[in-house]
Amino acid sequence: MTKWLWIDASYNKNFRLEEEIASAFDLDPREVARVMCERNILGSTQIADDITLPHVELSHLRYQGIAWIKYDSSFALVLVIDKEKPSRSVVDKLGFILEEEHLKLMRQVNSQQMLEEVLKNAGR
């Protein structure tokens, strides 16, 4: 099953990315923190001046998807994917989002509904 998630973290100074992702995708927050840290050790996840692409790659996931997190002046595009059986839909949507014109559009997303509308048009 896939999930597309929008979170406005700009108002919450105590926001913990790994806890939010774990809760939304039914994962252990310690495991999420561990794999995100391991990925960051490999190199920067920065894809634009104001956007990072943290990865959560685990096996046997019940849910896969993308979370778009809005901070005060930056964003995180979190990829949650099964490393054994990656969702074609998630991979396709990620490819769509990563095009510069679509990153500009993503910066304007301000609700769950708007995120779903943008992603519904992916691949058209």
N, C-alpha and C. Protein backbone atom coordinates (compact mmCIF):
# COMPACT_ATOMS: atom_id res chain seq x y z
N MET A 1 0.85 -1.18 0.00
CA MET A 1 0.00 0.00 0.00
C MET A 1 0.89 1.24 0.00
N THR A 2 0.39 2.28 -0.65
CA THR A 2 1.17 3.52 -0.74
C THR A 2 0.49 4.63 0.06
N LYS A 3 1.35 5.55 0.52
CA LYS A 3 0.88 6.72 1.26
C LYS A 3 1.59 7.95 0.72
N TRP A 4 0.84 9.03 0.64
CA TRP A 4 1.38 10.34 0.28
C TRP A 4 1.03 11.25 1.45
N LEU A 5 2.02 11.85 2.06
CA LEU A 5 1.80 12.57 3.31
C LEU A 5 2.36 13.98 3.26
N TRP A 6 1.56 14.94 3.68
CA TRP A 6 2.00 16.33 3.81
C TRP A 6 1.98 16.70 5.28
N ILE A 7 3.07 17.27 5.76
CA ILE A 7 3.15 17.71 7.16
C ILE A 7 3.72 19.11 7.21
N ASP A 8 3.03 19.99 7.92
CA ASP A 8 3.54 21.34 8.18
C ASP A 8 4.23 21.32 9.53
N ALA A 9 5.54 21.29 9.51
CA ALA A 9 6.33 21.27 10.75
C ALA A 9 6.81 22.66 11.13
N SER A 10 6.42 23.67 10.37
CA SER A 10 6.93 25.02 10.61
C SER A 10 6.47 25.60 11.94
N TYR A 11 5.36 25.12 12.45
CA TYR A 11 4.83 25.65 13.70
C TYR A 11 5.31 24.87 14.93
N ASN A 12 5.92 23.70 14.72
CA ASN A 12 6.25 22.80 15.81
C ASN A 12 7.76 22.74 16.03
N LYS A 13 8.25 23.43 17.04
CA LYS A 13 9.69 23.45 17.33
C LYS A 13 10.19 22.11 17.87
N ASN A 14 9.27 21.25 18.32
CA ASN A 14 9.65 19.93 18.86
C ASN A 14 9.45 18.82 17.84
N PHE A 15 9.29 19.17 16.59
CA PHE A 15 9.05 18.20 15.53
C PHE A 15 10.21 17.24 15.42
N ARG A 16 9.91 15.94 15.40
CA ARG A 16 10.92 14.90 15.25
C ARG A 16 10.57 14.10 14.00
N LEU A 17 11.33 14.30 12.95
CA LEU A 17 11.05 13.69 11.66
C LEU A 17 10.91 12.17 11.77
N GLU A 18 11.86 11.51 12.42
CA GLU A 18 11.80 10.05 12.49
C GLU A 18 10.54 9.55 13.21
N GLU A 19 10.09 10.29 14.21
CA GLU A 19 8.87 9.88 14.92
C GLU A 19 7.63 10.06 14.05
N GLU A 20 7.56 11.16 13.32
CA GLU A 20 6.41 11.40 12.44
C GLU A 20 6.34 10.37 11.31
N ILE A 21 7.49 10.09 10.71
CA ILE A 21 7.53 9.10 9.62
C ILE A 21 7.18 7.72 10.17
N ALA A 22 7.74 7.36 11.31
CA ALA A 22 7.44 6.06 11.91
C ALA A 22 5.95 5.92 12.20
N SER A 23 5.36 6.94 12.76
CA SER A 23 3.94 6.90 13.08
C SER A 23 3.09 6.78 11.81
N ALA A 24 3.39 7.56 10.81
CA ALA A 24 2.59 7.59 9.58
C ALA A 24 2.70 6.29 8.78
N PHE A 25 3.88 5.66 8.82
CA PHE A 25 4.12 4.47 7.99
C PHE A 25 4.18 3.18 8.83
N ASP A 26 3.74 3.26 10.07
CA ASP A 26 3.66 2.10 10.95
C ASP A 26 5.02 1.41 11.10
N LEU A 27 6.02 2.21 11.50
CA LEU A 27 7.39 1.72 11.66
C LEU A 27 7.91 2.04 13.07
N ASP A 28 9.00 1.42 13.43
CA ASP A 28 9.66 1.69 14.71
C ASP A 28 10.50 2.96 14.56
N PRO A 29 10.28 3.97 15.41
CA PRO A 29 11.03 5.22 15.27
C PRO A 29 12.54 5.05 15.39
N ARG A 30 12.99 4.10 16.21
CA ARG A 30 14.44 3.85 16.33
C ARG A 30 15.01 3.30 15.04
N GLU A 31 14.24 2.42 14.39
CA GLU A 31 14.68 1.85 13.11
C GLU A 31 14.72 2.93 12.04
N VAL A 32 13.73 3.80 12.02
CA VAL A 32 13.70 4.91 11.07
C VAL A 32 14.90 5.82 11.30
N ALA A 33 15.16 6.17 12.54
CA ALA A 33 16.31 7.03 12.86
C ALA A 33 17.62 6.36 12.43
N ARG A 34 17.73 5.06 12.67
CA ARG A 34 18.95 4.33 12.32
C ARG A 34 19.21 4.35 10.81
N VAL A 35 18.19 4.01 10.02
CA VAL A 35 18.41 3.94 8.57
C VAL A 35 18.60 5.33 7.96
N MET A 36 17.94 6.33 8.52
CA MET A 36 18.16 7.70 8.02
C MET A 36 19.58 8.15 8.33
N CYS A 37 20.08 7.83 9.51
CA CYS A 37 21.44 8.18 9.89
C CYS A 37 22.45 7.45 9.00
N GLU A 38 22.23 6.15 8.78
CA GLU A 38 23.12 5.38 7.91
C GLU A 38 23.16 5.98 6.51
N ARG A 39 22.01 6.40 5.99
CA ARG A 39 21.97 7.00 4.66
C ARG A 39 22.73 8.31 4.63
N ASN A 40 22.58 9.13 5.68
CA ASN A 40 23.26 10.42 5.73
C ASN A 40 24.77 10.27 5.78
N ILE A 41 25.25 9.18 6.37
CA ILE A 41 26.69 8.93 6.43
C ILE A 41 27.26 8.74 5.02
N LEU A 42 26.46 8.20 4.11
CA LEU A 42 26.90 7.97 2.74
C LEU A 42 27.13 9.28 1.97
N GLY A 43 26.48 10.34 2.39
CA GLY A 43 26.62 11.62 1.71
C GLY A 43 25.38 12.46 1.88
N SER A 44 25.48 13.67 1.42
CA SER A 44 24.39 14.63 1.56
C SER A 44 23.12 14.15 0.85
N THR A 45 21.99 14.46 1.44
CA THR A 45 20.70 14.18 0.81
C THR A 45 20.09 15.48 0.27
N GLN A 46 20.88 16.52 0.22
CA GLN A 46 20.42 17.82 -0.28
C GLN A 46 20.23 17.74 -1.79
N ILE A 47 19.01 18.07 -2.27
CA ILE A 47 18.73 18.03 -3.71
C ILE A 47 18.49 19.42 -4.29
N ALA A 48 18.33 20.40 -3.41
CA ALA A 48 18.18 21.81 -3.80
C ALA A 48 18.59 22.63 -2.58
N ASP A 49 18.76 23.92 -2.78
CA ASP A 49 19.17 24.77 -1.66
C ASP A 49 18.25 24.63 -0.45
N ASP A 50 16.98 24.37 -0.70
CA ASP A 50 16.00 24.33 0.39
C ASP A 50 15.29 22.99 0.54
N ILE A 51 15.81 21.93 -0.11
CA ILE A 51 15.14 20.63 -0.06
C ILE A 51 16.14 19.51 0.20
N THR A 52 15.81 18.65 1.19
CA THR A 52 16.58 17.44 1.41
C THR A 52 15.71 16.24 1.04
N LEU A 53 16.38 15.12 0.78
CA LEU A 53 15.67 13.89 0.39
C LEU A 53 16.12 12.75 1.33
N PRO A 54 15.64 12.77 2.58
CA PRO A 54 15.97 11.66 3.48
C PRO A 54 15.34 10.36 2.98
N HIS A 55 16.03 9.27 3.20
CA HIS A 55 15.57 7.95 2.74
C HIS A 55 15.28 7.05 3.94
N VAL A 56 14.21 6.30 3.83
CA VAL A 56 13.93 5.22 4.77
C VAL A 56 13.75 3.98 3.90
N GLU A 57 14.81 3.18 3.82
CA GLU A 57 14.78 1.96 3.01
C GLU A 57 14.89 0.76 3.94
N LEU A 58 13.81 0.01 4.03
CA LEU A 58 13.74 -1.18 4.88
C LEU A 58 13.08 -2.31 4.10
N SER A 59 13.17 -3.50 4.62
CA SER A 59 12.53 -4.65 3.98
C SER A 59 11.16 -4.92 4.58
N HIS A 60 10.30 -5.51 3.76
CA HIS A 60 8.99 -5.99 4.21
C HIS A 60 8.11 -4.89 4.78
N LEU A 61 8.04 -3.76 4.09
CA LEU A 61 7.21 -2.65 4.56
C LEU A 61 5.74 -2.87 4.21
N ARG A 62 4.89 -2.54 5.12
CA ARG A 62 3.45 -2.59 4.86
C ARG A 62 3.04 -1.41 3.99
N TYR A 63 3.63 -0.25 4.27
CA TYR A 63 3.34 0.97 3.52
C TYR A 63 4.62 1.51 2.91
N GLN A 64 4.51 2.03 1.71
CA GLN A 64 5.60 2.76 1.07
C GLN A 64 5.02 4.10 0.63
N GLY A 65 5.88 5.08 0.44
CA GLY A 65 5.36 6.35 -0.03
C GLY A 65 6.34 7.49 0.11
N ILE A 66 5.75 8.66 0.05
CA ILE A 66 6.50 9.91 0.09
C ILE A 66 5.83 10.84 1.09
N ALA A 67 6.66 11.49 1.89
CA ALA A 67 6.16 12.52 2.79
C ALA A 67 6.82 13.84 2.41
N TRP A 68 6.01 14.88 2.27
CA TRP A 68 6.50 16.24 1.97
C TRP A 68 6.37 17.03 3.26
N ILE A 69 7.52 17.43 3.83
CA ILE A 69 7.55 18.13 5.11
C ILE A 69 7.93 19.58 4.86
N LYS A 70 7.08 20.48 5.36
CA LYS A 70 7.36 21.92 5.24
C LYS A 70 7.88 22.43 6.58
N TYR A 71 9.09 23.00 6.53
CA TYR A 71 9.67 23.67 7.70
C TYR A 71 9.53 25.17 7.49
N ASP A 72 10.11 25.97 8.36
CA ASP A 72 10.02 27.43 8.22
C ASP A 72 10.50 27.92 6.87
N SER A 73 11.71 27.51 6.48
CA SER A 73 12.27 28.02 5.22
C SER A 73 12.89 26.91 4.37
N SER A 74 12.49 25.68 4.64
CA SER A 74 13.02 24.56 3.86
C SER A 74 11.99 23.43 3.84
N PHE A 75 12.35 22.37 3.12
CA PHE A 75 11.46 21.23 2.94
C PHE A 75 12.25 19.94 3.02
N ALA A 76 11.55 18.87 3.35
CA ALA A 76 12.13 17.52 3.27
C ALA A 76 11.17 16.67 2.45
N LEU A 77 11.72 15.99 1.49
CA LEU A 77 10.98 15.04 0.66
C LEU A 77 11.44 13.66 1.12
N VAL A 78 10.66 13.02 1.97
CA VAL A 78 11.07 11.77 2.60
C VAL A 78 10.57 10.59 1.77
N LEU A 79 11.49 9.76 1.36
CA LEU A 79 11.18 8.55 0.61
C LEU A 79 11.14 7.37 1.57
N VAL A 80 10.01 6.69 1.62
CA VAL A 80 9.87 5.47 2.42
C VAL A 80 9.62 4.34 1.43
N ILE A 81 10.59 3.43 1.33
CA ILE A 81 10.51 2.42 0.27
C ILE A 81 11.04 1.07 0.76
N ASP A 82 10.44 0.02 0.24
CA ASP A 82 10.87 -1.34 0.55
C ASP A 82 12.07 -1.65 -0.33
N LYS A 83 13.20 -1.94 0.30
CA LYS A 83 14.41 -2.17 -0.50
C LYS A 83 14.38 -3.51 -1.24
N GLU A 84 13.51 -4.42 -0.83
CA GLU A 84 13.38 -5.70 -1.52
C GLU A 84 12.38 -5.61 -2.67
N LYS A 85 11.28 -4.89 -2.46
CA LYS A 85 10.21 -4.77 -3.45
C LYS A 85 9.75 -3.32 -3.55
N PRO A 86 10.57 -2.45 -4.16
CA PRO A 86 10.18 -1.04 -4.25
C PRO A 86 8.90 -0.85 -5.06
N SER A 87 8.05 0.00 -4.56
CA SER A 87 6.79 0.31 -5.24
C SER A 87 7.06 1.10 -6.52
N ARG A 88 6.58 0.59 -7.65
CA ARG A 88 6.74 1.30 -8.93
C ARG A 88 6.06 2.66 -8.85
N SER A 89 4.91 2.73 -8.22
CA SER A 89 4.18 3.99 -8.09
C SER A 89 4.99 5.03 -7.33
N VAL A 90 5.62 4.62 -6.24
CA VAL A 90 6.43 5.56 -5.45
C VAL A 90 7.64 6.02 -6.25
N VAL A 91 8.30 5.09 -6.92
CA VAL A 91 9.47 5.44 -7.73
C VAL A 91 9.08 6.40 -8.85
N ASP A 92 7.95 6.14 -9.51
CA ASP A 92 7.48 7.02 -10.59
C ASP A 92 7.14 8.41 -10.06
N LYS A 93 6.46 8.47 -8.93
CA LYS A 93 6.09 9.78 -8.35
C LYS A 93 7.34 10.55 -7.95
N LEU A 94 8.32 9.84 -7.39
CA LEU A 94 9.57 10.51 -7.01
C LEU A 94 10.25 11.09 -8.25
N GLY A 95 10.32 10.32 -9.33
CA GLY A 95 10.90 10.83 -10.56
C GLY A 95 10.19 12.08 -11.05
N PHE A 96 8.87 12.09 -10.96
CA PHE A 96 8.06 13.24 -11.35
C PHE A 96 8.42 14.46 -10.49
N ILE A 97 8.43 14.26 -9.18
CA ILE A 97 8.69 15.37 -8.25
C ILE A 97 10.07 15.97 -8.47
N LEU A 98 11.05 15.13 -8.76
CA LEU A 98 12.44 15.60 -8.85
C LEU A 98 12.73 16.46 -10.07
N GLU A 99 11.83 16.54 -11.01
CA GLU A 99 12.02 17.45 -12.14
C GLU A 99 11.89 18.88 -11.61
N GLU A 100 12.77 19.76 -12.06
CA GLU A 100 12.85 21.12 -11.51
C GLU A 100 11.50 21.84 -11.52
N GLU A 101 10.75 21.72 -12.61
CA GLU A 101 9.45 22.41 -12.68
C GLU A 101 8.49 21.88 -11.62
N HIS A 102 8.61 20.59 -11.29
CA HIS A 102 7.72 20.01 -10.29
C HIS A 102 8.18 20.32 -8.87
N LEU A 103 9.50 20.48 -8.67
CA LEU A 103 9.99 20.93 -7.37
C LEU A 103 9.44 22.32 -7.07
N LYS A 104 9.37 23.16 -8.09
CA LYS A 104 8.79 24.50 -7.90
C LYS A 104 7.33 24.38 -7.48
N LEU A 105 6.61 23.48 -8.09
CA LEU A 105 5.22 23.26 -7.74
C LEU A 105 5.09 22.69 -6.32
N MET A 106 5.96 21.77 -5.97
CA MET A 106 5.92 21.17 -4.63
C MET A 106 6.14 22.22 -3.54
N ARG A 107 6.96 23.21 -3.82
CA ARG A 107 7.19 24.26 -2.82
C ARG A 107 5.91 25.04 -2.49
N GLN A 108 4.93 24.97 -3.38
CA GLN A 108 3.66 25.67 -3.17
C GLN A 108 2.62 24.83 -2.43
N VAL A 109 2.89 23.53 -2.28
CA VAL A 109 1.93 22.64 -1.62
C VAL A 109 1.73 23.10 -0.17
N ASN A 110 0.45 23.27 0.20
CA ASN A 110 0.16 23.73 1.56
C ASN A 110 -0.95 22.93 2.24
N SER A 111 -1.22 21.73 1.72
CA SER A 111 -2.23 20.88 2.35
C SER A 111 -2.09 19.45 1.82
N GLN A 112 -2.69 18.53 2.53
CA GLN A 112 -2.72 17.13 2.09
C GLN A 112 -3.46 17.02 0.76
N GLN A 113 -4.54 17.74 0.65
CA GLN A 113 -5.34 17.71 -0.59
C GLN A 113 -4.53 18.21 -1.78
N MET A 114 -3.79 19.28 -1.59
CA MET A 114 -2.98 19.83 -2.69
C MET A 114 -1.87 18.84 -3.09
N LEU A 115 -1.26 18.20 -2.09
CA LEU A 115 -0.24 17.20 -2.40
C LEU A 115 -0.83 16.08 -3.24
N GLU A 116 -1.98 15.59 -2.85
CA GLU A 116 -2.62 14.50 -3.58
C GLU A 116 -2.98 14.92 -5.00
N GLU A 117 -3.39 16.17 -5.18
CA GLU A 117 -3.70 16.68 -6.53
C GLU A 117 -2.45 16.71 -7.40
N VAL A 118 -1.36 17.22 -6.84
CA VAL A 118 -0.10 17.28 -7.59
C VAL A 118 0.34 15.88 -7.99
N LEU A 119 0.29 14.95 -7.05
CA LEU A 119 0.76 13.59 -7.34
C LEU A 119 -0.19 12.82 -8.24
N LYS A 120 -1.46 13.17 -8.21
CA LYS A 120 -2.42 12.53 -9.11
C LYS A 120 -2.06 12.83 -10.57
N ASN A 121 -1.50 14.01 -10.80
CA ASN A 121 -1.13 14.42 -12.15
C ASN A 121 0.22 13.89 -12.59
N ALA A 122 0.95 13.22 -11.69
CA ALA A 122 2.25 12.67 -12.03
C ALA A 122 2.10 11.63 -13.13
N GLY A 123 2.94 11.75 -14.13
CA GLY A 123 2.92 10.77 -15.22
C GLY A 123 1.94 11.08 -16.33
N ARG A 124 1.22 12.17 -16.22
CA ARG A 124 0.27 12.52 -17.28
C ARG A 124 0.94 13.32 -18.36
